[in-house]
Amino acid sequence: MAYTDDAVQAKLSALNETQEGIVTVAQWIMFHRRHADRTAQLWMQRLKDSAPNKRLSLIYLANEVVQQSKARKKTEFVAAFSPIIAESTSAAYKGAPYDIQQKLRRVIEVWRQRVIFEPPVQDHIERNLDELDKTRAPGKKATLGGSLFSSGSSVPQELQPLVPLQTALTKADNASKSNVTHAYNEYDKLIDPANPVPTPPVHAARLSQVLKNLASAESAVAESIKSRRELITAMEKMLEGHKATLSKDEAAHQELDTRRTGIETKKREVEDAIMRGLSTEQPQVPTGPAANDPRRRLPTAVASTDNANGGLLDEPQRPDVEGLTPPPVESITPVGTPPPALAAPTTTGATAGFVPELPPSHDEPASGPAALEALAAANILPQKTQRDDSGDDDGQGQANGYEGGYYPGAAKKRRVGSGVAEQDFADFATGDAYDGIDADVADMLRRD
């Protein structure tokens, strides 16, 4: 094929990433080494108009051309690329993904190792790349994980099936864009009326080239469509799964909301019941002392005060009471009376009716008349009658002598009819013996 700008553009547009395609185009370019400067300019223009992955292929092409020329000691292409290689590598490096930038770095390192370009040119290339790295925004700093749709570990596990599909789509889309742009440009040039019609052989060759470019662009677009459909299908499957999960989550959310509302209602009812119970509860009535509490024996005034205060009062201190002193023995027994026997008295028939006389107590209150009369009627009258029957005429009952000690069981008897006893019972000697006694008691005594 004759060397023309269109031919060079066609070769560069049809360039693929395979090693065979790069070597084939490089050999064609080196064959036309007389047009090295023009080829370098067209190459640079094509690189600026291409996508990042296509730019990497063009860098590989330039690397193959300059290294082969250096090995064959042909300096035309090294001299042609030296003025533009720094700007071209910067354009390919800027905005490229991290993996492409690393590949470009390796190519430039090979140039330094093999001294493909002069040291000033090599330094200029590396300096431009370093400046681009420094001016990169912190948020866009390249990482080992790569982009979202790369194979890095930063991709969530759920999105891993989409990674290869997105990668294939990106490659196909970039290839289709460049091929479509080139095919449109060639087609416009061919049908432009302003361009002179070339000779039939040249015109036929151009038609064939445009036809090839259109077919290549069509194939690239078809590949892009296929990749995009596969990605859409995978995303739709994932979307359906997320929709099903969303429906379950919504149902669970509604159920939880219903249960929460029910529990809140029940909680309010319980709290209202508690508040109603507290408001209607009667105040606790204070209880008095227990049945065995000694304070129940307190006076009425103290007990009422105790109940009024709603609690138990402290037990009052006991009052100081003077101890009881028994009366002297002389007031009961005359001086010279023998001491009483220690043996227990024995009641006999003669003395069964006698009541032992107790020592008088000066502290005891005087008995009422009714009590004295009842006592006299019940106890003393039978004694008097018994004594009268036994022949004690003088009214002074004597115990069996005091010689040798007291008679067992003997005690001082109340002497009826002598001394004070005669005065006490003087009323019984005359008249009715039951005078002064209640009528009911007198009737009972008469029946006996």
Foldseek 3Di string as FASTA:
>chain_A
DDDDLLVLLLLLLPQDQDPVSLVVSLVVCVVVLVCLLVSLVSLLVLLLVADLVSVLSSVVSLLVNLVVCVVVVNCSNLVNCLVCVLVSLLSSLPPHWPVSNVVSVVSLVVCVVVVSDPVVSSVSNVVSNVVSQVPDDPVPHHDPQIDQLDPRPVHDPVCVVLSVLVVQLVVLVRSLVSLVVSLVVLVCVLPPPVDDDDDVVVNVVSVVSSVVSVVSNVVSVVSNVVSVVVSVVVVVVVVVVVVVVVVVVVVVVVVVVVVVVVVVVVVVVVVVVVVVCVVPDDDDQQDADDPPDVCVPPDPVQRVVCNVVSHHDDDDDDDDDDDDDDDDPCVPDPPPDDDADPAAADDDPLCVLFDADDDDDPPDDDDDPQVVLVVCLPRVVVNVVSVVVVPPVQQADDDDDCPPHDDGNDHDTDRQCDDVNCVVCVVCVDDPSCPPHDPVVVVVSVVD
